[in-house]
Amino acid sequence: RGKLQTSPRKMVNTALSDEEKGIQDKESKEESI
């Protein structure tokens, strides 16, 4: 319980613009190829 409570938490902004989504899609396609 002590280890679970003391773990650091970070807030991450998951909102991506259309340009960033396009870049991630392209990278994902390259990785699968």
PDB file of all heavy atoms in Angstrom:
ATOM      1  N   ARG A   1       0.837  -1.198   0.000  1.00  0.00           N
ATOM      2  CA  ARG A   1       0.000   0.000   0.000  1.00  0.00           C
ATOM      3  C   ARG A   1       0.876   1.254   0.000  1.00  0.00           C
ATOM      4  O   ARG A   1       0.619   2.224  -0.701  1.00  0.00           O
ATOM      5  CB  ARG A   1      -0.929  -0.005   1.205  1.00  0.00           C
ATOM      6  CG  ARG A   1      -1.957   1.102   1.157  1.00  0.00           C
ATOM      7  CD  ARG A   1      -2.914   1.057   2.339  1.00  0.00           C
ATOM      8  NE  ARG A   1      -3.569  -0.229   2.427  1.00  0.00           N
ATOM      9  CZ  ARG A   1      -3.819  -0.864   3.568  1.00  0.00           C
ATOM     10  NH1 ARG A   1      -3.452  -0.323   4.718  1.00  0.00           N
ATOM     11  NH2 ARG A   1      -4.407  -2.030   3.573  1.00  0.00           N
ATOM     12  N   GLY A   2       1.964   1.214   0.781  1.00  0.00           N
ATOM     13  CA  GLY A   2       2.868   2.358   0.833  1.00  0.00           C
ATOM     14  C   GLY A   2       3.542   2.605  -0.504  1.00  0.00           C
ATOM     15  O   GLY A   2       3.711   3.740  -0.928  1.00  0.00           O
ATOM     16  N   LYS A   3       3.932   1.529  -1.196  1.00  0.00           N
ATOM     17  CA  LYS A   3       4.572   1.691  -2.496  1.00  0.00           C
ATOM     18  C   LYS A   3       3.592   2.236  -3.528  1.00  0.00           C
ATOM     19  O   LYS A   3       3.948   3.032  -4.375  1.00  0.00           O
ATOM     20  CB  LYS A   3       5.147   0.370  -2.977  1.00  0.00           C
ATOM     21  CG  LYS A   3       6.384  -0.038  -2.239  1.00  0.00           C
ATOM     22  CD  LYS A   3       6.989  -1.259  -2.852  1.00  0.00           C
ATOM     23  CE  LYS A   3       8.195  -1.667  -2.056  1.00  0.00           C
ATOM     24  NZ  LYS A   3       9.387  -1.749  -2.809  1.00  0.00           N
ATOM     25  N   LEU A   4       2.333   1.794  -3.464  1.00  0.00           N
ATOM     26  CA  LEU A   4       1.344   2.274  -4.417  1.00  0.00           C
ATOM     27  C   LEU A   4       1.019   3.739  -4.190  1.00  0.00           C
ATOM     28  O   LEU A   4       0.806   4.483  -5.127  1.00  0.00           O
ATOM     29  CB  LEU A   4       0.067   1.434  -4.327  1.00  0.00           C
ATOM     30  CG  LEU A   4       0.166  -0.002  -4.840  1.00  0.00           C
ATOM     31  CD1 LEU A   4      -1.145  -0.728  -4.591  1.00  0.00           C
ATOM     32  CD2 LEU A   4       0.516  -0.026  -6.309  1.00  0.00           C
ATOM     33  N   GLN A   5       0.977   4.167  -2.934  1.00  0.00           N
ATOM     34  CA  GLN A   5       0.625   5.541  -2.633  1.00  0.00           C
ATOM     35  C   GLN A   5       1.751   6.515  -2.923  1.00  0.00           C
ATOM     36  O   GLN A   5       1.513   7.673  -3.227  1.00  0.00           O
ATOM     37  CB  GLN A   5       0.209   5.667  -1.171  1.00  0.00           C
ATOM     38  CG  GLN A   5      -1.119   5.010  -0.881  1.00  0.00           C
ATOM     39  CD  GLN A   5      -1.470   5.045   0.586  1.00  0.00           C
ATOM     40  OE1 GLN A   5      -0.654   5.435   1.429  1.00  0.00           O
ATOM     41  NE2 GLN A   5      -2.679   4.622   0.933  1.00  0.00           N
ATOM     42  N   THR A   6       3.004   6.074  -2.883  1.00  0.00           N
ATOM     43  CA  THR A   6       4.118   6.985  -3.077  1.00  0.00           C
ATOM     44  C   THR A   6       4.600   7.035  -4.521  1.00  0.00           C
ATOM     45  O   THR A   6       5.570   7.711  -4.824  1.00  0.00           O
ATOM     46  CB  THR A   6       5.303   6.590  -2.180  1.00  0.00           C
ATOM     47  OG1 THR A   6       5.695   5.256  -2.502  1.00  0.00           O
ATOM     48  CG2 THR A   6       4.946   6.695  -0.715  1.00  0.00           C
ATOM     49  N   SER A   7       3.943   6.306  -5.427  1.00  0.00           N
ATOM     50  CA  SER A   7       4.392   6.353  -6.818  1.00  0.00           C
ATOM     51  C   SER A   7       4.039   7.702  -7.428  1.00  0.00           C
ATOM     52  O   SER A   7       2.940   8.214  -7.230  1.00  0.00           O
ATOM     53  CB  SER A   7       3.761   5.213  -7.633  1.00  0.00           C
ATOM     54  OG  SER A   7       2.371   5.367  -7.664  1.00  0.00           O
ATOM     55  N   PRO A   8       4.975   8.306  -8.173  1.00  0.00           N
ATOM     56  CA  PRO A   8       4.725   9.633  -8.733  1.00  0.00           C
ATOM     57  C   PRO A   8       3.728   9.557  -9.886  1.00  0.00           C
ATOM     58  O   PRO A   8       3.732   8.643 -10.689  1.00  0.00           O
ATOM     59  CB  PRO A   8       6.097  10.083  -9.237  1.00  0.00           C
ATOM     60  CG  PRO A   8       6.834   8.809  -9.477  1.00  0.00           C
ATOM     61  CD  PRO A   8       6.297   7.826  -8.481  1.00  0.00           C
ATOM     62  N   ARG A   9       2.877  10.541  -9.951  1.00  0.00           N
ATOM     63  CA  ARG A   9       1.870  10.616 -11.007  1.00  0.00           C
ATOM     64  C   ARG A   9       2.154  11.847 -11.860  1.00  0.00           C
ATOM     65  O   ARG A   9       2.485  12.908 -11.335  1.00  0.00           O
ATOM     66  CB  ARG A   9       0.454  10.725 -10.434  1.00  0.00           C
ATOM     67  CG  ARG A   9       0.076   9.589  -9.532  1.00  0.00           C
ATOM     68  CD  ARG A   9      -0.283   8.402 -10.345  1.00  0.00           C
ATOM     69  NE  ARG A   9      -0.691   7.331  -9.435  1.00  0.00           N
ATOM     70  CZ  ARG A   9      -0.815   6.097  -9.792  1.00  0.00           C
ATOM     71  NH1 ARG A   9      -0.564   5.761 -11.019  1.00  0.00           N
ATOM     72  NH2 ARG A   9      -1.181   5.187  -8.941  1.00  0.00           N
ATOM     73  N   LYS A  10       2.014  11.706 -13.161  1.00  0.00           N
ATOM     74  CA  LYS A  10       2.206  12.831 -14.057  1.00  0.00           C
ATOM     75  C   LYS A  10       0.951  13.009 -14.897  1.00  0.00           C
ATOM     76  O   LYS A  10       0.359  12.039 -15.347  1.00  0.00           O
ATOM     77  CB  LYS A  10       3.395  12.602 -14.988  1.00  0.00           C
ATOM     78  CG  LYS A  10       4.728  12.614 -14.287  1.00  0.00           C
ATOM     79  CD  LYS A  10       5.846  12.463 -15.274  1.00  0.00           C
ATOM     80  CE  LYS A  10       7.186  12.485 -14.554  1.00  0.00           C
ATOM     81  NZ  LYS A  10       8.294  12.340 -15.482  1.00  0.00           N
ATOM     82  N   MET A  11       0.587  14.234 -15.095  1.00  0.00           N
ATOM     83  CA  MET A  11      -0.553  14.537 -15.952  1.00  0.00           C
ATOM     84  C   MET A  11      -0.034  14.673 -17.381  1.00  0.00           C
ATOM     85  O   MET A  11       0.922  15.386 -17.637  1.00  0.00           O
ATOM     86  CB  MET A  11      -1.231  15.841 -15.514  1.00  0.00           C
ATOM     87  CG  MET A  11      -1.793  15.777 -14.111  1.00  0.00           C
ATOM     88  SD  MET A  11      -3.127  14.591 -13.974  1.00  0.00           S
ATOM     89  CE  MET A  11      -4.401  15.449 -14.835  1.00  0.00           C
ATOM     90  N   VAL A  12      -0.649  13.965 -18.302  1.00  0.00           N
ATOM     91  CA  VAL A  12      -0.215  13.982 -19.686  1.00  0.00           C
ATOM     92  C   VAL A  12      -1.348  14.519 -20.544  1.00  0.00           C
ATOM     93  O   VAL A  12      -2.486  14.075 -20.424  1.00  0.00           O
ATOM     94  CB  VAL A  12       0.177  12.560 -20.155  1.00  0.00           C
ATOM     95  CG1 VAL A  12       0.587  12.573 -21.613  1.00  0.00           C
ATOM     96  CG2 VAL A  12       1.283  12.012 -19.285  1.00  0.00           C
ATOM     97  N   ASN A  13      -1.032  15.463 -21.396  1.00  0.00           N
ATOM     98  CA  ASN A  13      -2.021  16.007 -22.312  1.00  0.00           C
ATOM     99  C   ASN A  13      -2.128  15.079 -23.513  1.00  0.00           C
ATOM    100  O   ASN A  13      -1.196  14.958 -24.302  1.00  0.00           O
ATOM    101  CB  ASN A  13      -1.623  17.417 -22.750  1.00  0.00           C
ATOM    102  CG  ASN A  13      -2.694  18.071 -23.589  1.00  0.00           C
ATOM    103  OD1 ASN A  13      -3.770  17.531 -23.752  1.00  0.00           O
ATOM    104  ND2 ASN A  13      -2.393  19.255 -24.105  1.00  0.00           N
ATOM    105  N   THR A  14      -3.265  14.420 -23.649  1.00  0.00           N
ATOM    106  CA  THR A  14      -3.436  13.459 -24.738  1.00  0.00           C
ATOM    107  C   THR A  14      -4.156  14.057 -25.932  1.00  0.00           C
ATOM    108  O   THR A  14      -4.390  13.366 -26.915  1.00  0.00           O
ATOM    109  CB  THR A  14      -4.218  12.227 -24.255  1.00  0.00           C
ATOM    110  OG1 THR A  14      -5.468  12.650 -23.726  1.00  0.00           O
ATOM    111  CG2 THR A  14      -3.428  11.484 -23.193  1.00  0.00           C
ATOM    112  N   ALA A  15      -4.530  15.319 -25.850  1.00  0.00           N
ATOM    113  CA  ALA A  15      -5.212  15.967 -26.966  1.00  0.00           C
ATOM    114  C   ALA A  15      -4.188  16.271 -28.055  1.00  0.00           C
ATOM    115  O   ALA A  15      -3.215  16.978 -27.841  1.00  0.00           O
ATOM    116  CB  ALA A  15      -5.890  17.247 -26.507  1.00  0.00           C
ATOM    117  N   LEU A  16      -4.370  15.674 -29.227  1.00  0.00           N
ATOM    118  CA  LEU A  16      -3.437  15.860 -30.330  1.00  0.00           C
ATOM    119  C   LEU A  16      -4.121  16.608 -31.474  1.00  0.00           C
ATOM    120  O   LEU A  16      -5.310  16.423 -31.730  1.00  0.00           O
ATOM    121  CB  LEU A  16      -2.943  14.505 -30.840  1.00  0.00           C
ATOM    122  CG  LEU A  16      -2.220  13.617 -29.838  1.00  0.00           C
ATOM    123  CD1 LEU A  16      -1.930  12.267 -30.458  1.00  0.00           C
ATOM    124  CD2 LEU A  16      -0.938  14.275 -29.388  1.00  0.00           C
ATOM    125  N   SER A  17      -3.345  17.416 -32.150  1.00  0.00           N
ATOM    126  CA  SER A  17      -3.893  18.107 -33.307  1.00  0.00           C
ATOM    127  C   SER A  17      -3.973  17.137 -34.473  1.00  0.00           C
ATOM    128  O   SER A  17      -3.451  16.031 -34.437  1.00  0.00           O
ATOM    129  CB  SER A  17      -3.014  19.304 -33.666  1.00  0.00           C
ATOM    130  OG  SER A  17      -1.752  18.844 -34.124  1.00  0.00           O
ATOM    131  N   ASP A  18      -4.645  17.568 -35.543  1.00  0.00           N
ATOM    132  CA  ASP A  18      -4.785  16.707 -36.721  1.00  0.00           C
ATOM    133  C   ASP A  18      -3.429  16.415 -37.348  1.00  0.00           C
ATOM    134  O   ASP A  18      -3.190  15.312 -37.843  1.00  0.00           O
ATOM    135  CB  ASP A  18      -5.704  17.378 -37.754  1.00  0.00           C
ATOM    136  CG  ASP A  18      -7.144  17.434 -37.277  1.00  0.00           C
ATOM    137  OD1 ASP A  18      -7.509  16.578 -36.434  1.00  0.00           O
ATOM    138  OD2 ASP A  18      -7.903  18.305 -37.745  1.00  0.00           O
ATOM    139  N   GLU A  19      -2.524  17.382 -37.310  1.00  0.00           N
ATOM    140  CA  GLU A  19      -1.188  17.193 -37.886  1.00  0.00           C
ATOM    141  C   GLU A  19      -0.407  16.132 -37.104  1.00  0.00           C
ATOM    142  O   GLU A  19       0.239  15.262 -37.701  1.00  0.00           O
ATOM    143  CB  GLU A  19      -0.428  18.519 -37.865  1.00  0.00           C
ATOM    144  CG  GLU A  19       0.956  18.448 -38.484  1.00  0.00           C
ATOM    145  CD  GLU A  19       1.649  19.796 -38.454  1.00  0.00           C
ATOM    146  OE1 GLU A  19       0.996  20.811 -38.758  1.00  0.00           O
ATOM    147  OE2 GLU A  19       2.840  19.814 -38.115  1.00  0.00           O
ATOM    148  N   GLU A  20      -0.487  16.206 -35.773  1.00  0.00           N
ATOM    149  CA  GLU A  20       0.215  15.218 -34.948  1.00  0.00           C
ATOM    150  C   GLU A  20      -0.364  13.826 -35.142  1.00  0.00           C
ATOM    151  O   GLU A  20       0.361  12.831 -35.147  1.00  0.00           O
ATOM    152  CB  GLU A  20       0.144  15.630 -33.485  1.00  0.00           C
ATOM    153  CG  GLU A  20       0.981  16.858 -33.167  1.00  0.00           C
ATOM    154  CD  GLU A  20       0.765  17.349 -31.748  1.00  0.00           C
ATOM    155  OE1 GLU A  20      -0.259  16.971 -31.140  1.00  0.00           O
ATOM    156  OE2 GLU A  20       1.600  18.115 -31.265  1.00  0.00           O
ATOM    157  N   LYS A  21      -1.686  13.716 -35.303  1.00  0.00           N
ATOM    158  CA  LYS A  21      -2.310  12.415 -35.546  1.00  0.00           C
ATOM    159  C   LYS A  21      -1.846  11.838 -36.875  1.00  0.00           C
ATOM    160  O   LYS A  21      -1.588  10.648 -36.982  1.00  0.00           O
ATOM    161  CB  LYS A  21      -3.837  12.543 -35.537  1.00  0.00           C
ATOM    162  CG  LYS A  21      -4.422  12.737 -34.166  1.00  0.00           C
ATOM    163  CD  LYS A  21      -5.926  12.833 -34.225  1.00  0.00           C
ATOM    164  CE  LYS A  21      -6.507  13.113 -32.866  1.00  0.00           C
ATOM    165  NZ  LYS A  21      -7.968  13.269 -32.894  1.00  0.00           N
ATOM    166  N   GLY A  22      -1.721  12.702 -37.892  1.00  0.00           N
ATOM    167  CA  GLY A  22      -1.245  12.247 -39.192  1.00  0.00           C
ATOM    168  C   GLY A  22       0.175  11.734 -39.125  1.00  0.00           C
ATOM    169  O   GLY A  22       0.516  10.716 -39.734  1.00  0.00           O
ATOM    170  N   ILE A  23       1.022  12.426 -38.362  1.00  0.00           N
ATOM    171  CA  ILE A  23       2.412  12.005 -38.202  1.00  0.00           C
ATOM    172  C   ILE A  23       2.468  10.663 -37.482  1.00  0.00           C
ATOM    173  O   ILE A  23       3.226   9.766 -37.879  1.00  0.00           O
ATOM    174  CB  ILE A  23       3.219  13.083 -37.442  1.00  0.00           C
ATOM    175  CG1 ILE A  23       3.371  14.336 -38.315  1.00  0.00           C
ATOM    176  CG2 ILE A  23       4.588  12.560 -37.034  1.00  0.00           C
ATOM    177  CD1 ILE A  23       3.957  15.525 -37.582  1.00  0.00           C
ATOM    178  N   GLN A  24       1.664  10.508 -36.434  1.00  0.00           N
ATOM    179  CA  GLN A  24       1.661   9.240 -35.695  1.00  0.00           C
ATOM    180  C   GLN A  24       1.139   8.094 -36.562  1.00  0.00           C
ATOM    181  O   GLN A  24       1.648   6.980 -36.483  1.00  0.00           O
ATOM    182  CB  GLN A  24       0.817   9.363 -34.425  1.00  0.00           C
ATOM    183  CG  GLN A  24       1.529  10.096 -33.315  1.00  0.00           C
ATOM    184  CD  GLN A  24       0.741  10.050 -32.018  1.00  0.00           C
ATOM    185  OE1 GLN A  24      -0.407   9.633 -31.979  1.00  0.00           O
ATOM    186  NE2 GLN A  24       1.373  10.498 -30.945  1.00  0.00           N
ATOM    187  N   ASP A  25       0.125   8.358 -37.383  1.00  0.00           N
ATOM    188  CA  ASP A  25      -0.390   7.322 -38.282  1.00  0.00           C
ATOM    189  C   ASP A  25       0.676   6.885 -39.276  1.00  0.00           C
ATOM    190  O   ASP A  25       0.832   5.699 -39.555  1.00  0.00           O
ATOM    191  CB  ASP A  25      -1.637   7.807 -39.020  1.00  0.00           C
ATOM    192  CG  ASP A  25      -2.850   7.938 -38.111  1.00  0.00           C
ATOM    193  OD1 ASP A  25      -2.841   7.314 -37.021  1.00  0.00           O
ATOM    194  OD2 ASP A  25      -3.794   8.657 -38.488  1.00  0.00           O
ATOM    195  N   LYS A  26       1.409   7.876 -39.819  1.00  0.00           N
ATOM    196  CA  LYS A  26       2.464   7.567 -40.783  1.00  0.00           C
ATOM    197  C   LYS A  26       3.565   6.746 -40.129  1.00  0.00           C
ATOM    198  O   LYS A  26       4.042   5.759 -40.703  1.00  0.00           O
ATOM    199  CB  LYS A  26       3.035   8.873 -41.344  1.00  0.00           C
ATOM    200  CG  LYS A  26       4.076   8.670 -42.412  1.00  0.00           C
ATOM    201  CD  LYS A  26       4.583  10.003 -42.946  1.00  0.00           C
ATOM    202  CE  LYS A  26       5.680   9.773 -43.968  1.00  0.00           C
ATOM    203  NZ  LYS A  26       6.246  11.038 -44.432  1.00  0.00           N
ATOM    204  N   GLU A  27       3.972   7.127 -38.906  1.00  0.00           N
ATOM    205  CA  GLU A  27       5.006   6.379 -38.197  1.00  0.00           C
ATOM    206  C   GLU A  27       4.534   4.970 -37.868  1.00  0.00           C
ATOM    207  O   GLU A  27       5.303   4.006 -37.960  1.00  0.00           O
ATOM    208  CB  GLU A  27       5.407   7.118 -36.921  1.00  0.00           C
ATOM    209  CG  GLU A  27       6.206   8.375 -37.178  1.00  0.00           C
ATOM    210  CD  GLU A  27       6.507   9.145 -35.897  1.00  0.00           C
ATOM    211  OE1 GLU A  27       6.004   8.748 -34.823  1.00  0.00           O
ATOM    212  OE2 GLU A  27       7.238  10.138 -35.972  1.00  0.00           O
ATOM    213  N   SER A  28       3.276   4.837 -37.505  1.00  0.00           N
ATOM    214  CA  SER A  28       2.721   3.522 -37.197  1.00  0.00           C
ATOM    215  C   SER A  28       2.731   2.627 -38.420  1.00  0.00           C
ATOM    216  O   SER A  28       3.060   1.438 -38.338  1.00  0.00           O
ATOM    217  CB  SER A  28       1.302   3.667 -36.646  1.00  0.00           C
ATOM    218  OG  SER A  28       0.715   2.416 -36.448  1.00  0.00           O
ATOM    219  N   LYS A  29       2.388   3.209 -39.565  1.00  0.00           N
ATOM    220  CA  LYS A  29       2.381   2.439 -40.819  1.00  0.00           C
ATOM    221  C   LYS A  29       3.804   2.009 -41.176  1.00  0.00           C
ATOM    222  O   LYS A  29       4.030   0.863 -41.587  1.00  0.00           O
ATOM    223  CB  LYS A  29       1.785   3.285 -41.936  1.00  0.00           C
ATOM    224  CG  LYS A  29       1.425   2.520 -43.167  1.00  0.00           C
ATOM    225  CD  LYS A  29       0.661   3.401 -44.157  1.00  0.00           C
ATOM    226  CE  LYS A  29       0.133   2.584 -45.300  1.00  0.00           C
ATOM    227  NZ  LYS A  29      -0.660   3.397 -46.216  1.00  0.00           N
ATOM    228  N   GLU A  30       4.769   2.913 -41.007  1.00  0.00           N
ATOM    229  CA  GLU A  30       6.164   2.572 -41.287  1.00  0.00           C
ATOM    230  C   GLU A  30       6.655   1.454 -40.374  1.00  0.00           C
ATOM    231  O   GLU A  30       7.338   0.533 -40.829  1.00  0.00           O
ATOM    232  CB  GLU A  30       7.048   3.806 -41.094  1.00  0.00           C
ATOM    233  CG  GLU A  30       6.897   4.863 -42.173  1.00  0.00           C
ATOM    234  CD  GLU A  30       7.719   6.106 -41.873  1.00  0.00           C
ATOM    235  OE1 GLU A  30       8.414   6.142 -40.837  1.00  0.00           O
ATOM    236  OE2 GLU A  30       7.658   7.049 -42.688  1.00  0.00           O
ATOM    237  N   GLU A  31       6.286   1.514 -39.103  1.00  0.00           N
ATOM    238  CA  GLU A  31       6.705   0.479 -38.158  1.00  0.00           C
ATOM    239  C   GLU A  31       6.118  -0.872 -38.520  1.00  0.00           C
ATOM    240  O   GLU A  31       6.791  -1.897 -38.420  1.00  0.00           O
ATOM    241  CB  GLU A  31       6.295   0.865 -36.740  1.00  0.00           C
ATOM    242  CG  GLU A  31       7.120   1.993 -36.164  1.00  0.00           C
ATOM    243  CD  GLU A  31       6.637   2.431 -34.797  1.00  0.00           C
ATOM    244  OE1 GLU A  31       5.637   1.867 -34.299  1.00  0.00           O
ATOM    245  OE2 GLU A  31       7.252   3.337 -34.223  1.00  0.00           O
ATOM    246  N   SER A  32       4.851  -0.888 -38.943  1.00  0.00           N
ATOM    247  CA  SER A  32       4.238  -2.169 -39.308  1.00  0.00           C
ATOM    248  C   SER A  32       4.882  -2.746 -40.570  1.00  0.00           C
ATOM    249  O   SER A  32       5.068  -3.962 -40.679  1.00  0.00           O
ATOM    250  CB  SER A  32       2.727  -2.022 -39.490  1.00  0.00           C
ATOM    251  OG  SER A  32       2.433  -1.158 -40.561  1.00  0.00           O
ATOM    252  N   ILE A  33       5.251  -1.876 -41.518  1.00  0.00           N
ATOM    253  CA  ILE A  33       5.928  -2.348 -42.733  1.00  0.00           C
ATOM    254  C   ILE A  33       7.304  -2.916 -42.379  1.00  0.00           C
ATOM    255  O   ILE A  33       7.696  -3.983 -42.867  1.00  0.00           O
ATOM    256  CB  ILE A  33       6.041  -1.205 -43.771  1.00  0.00           C
ATOM    257  CG1 ILE A  33       4.659  -0.861 -44.324  1.00  0.00           C
ATOM    258  CG2 ILE A  33       6.992  -1.574 -44.897  1.00  0.00           C
ATOM    259  CD1 ILE A  33       4.623   0.380 -45.187  1.00  0.00           C
TER     260      ILE A  33
END
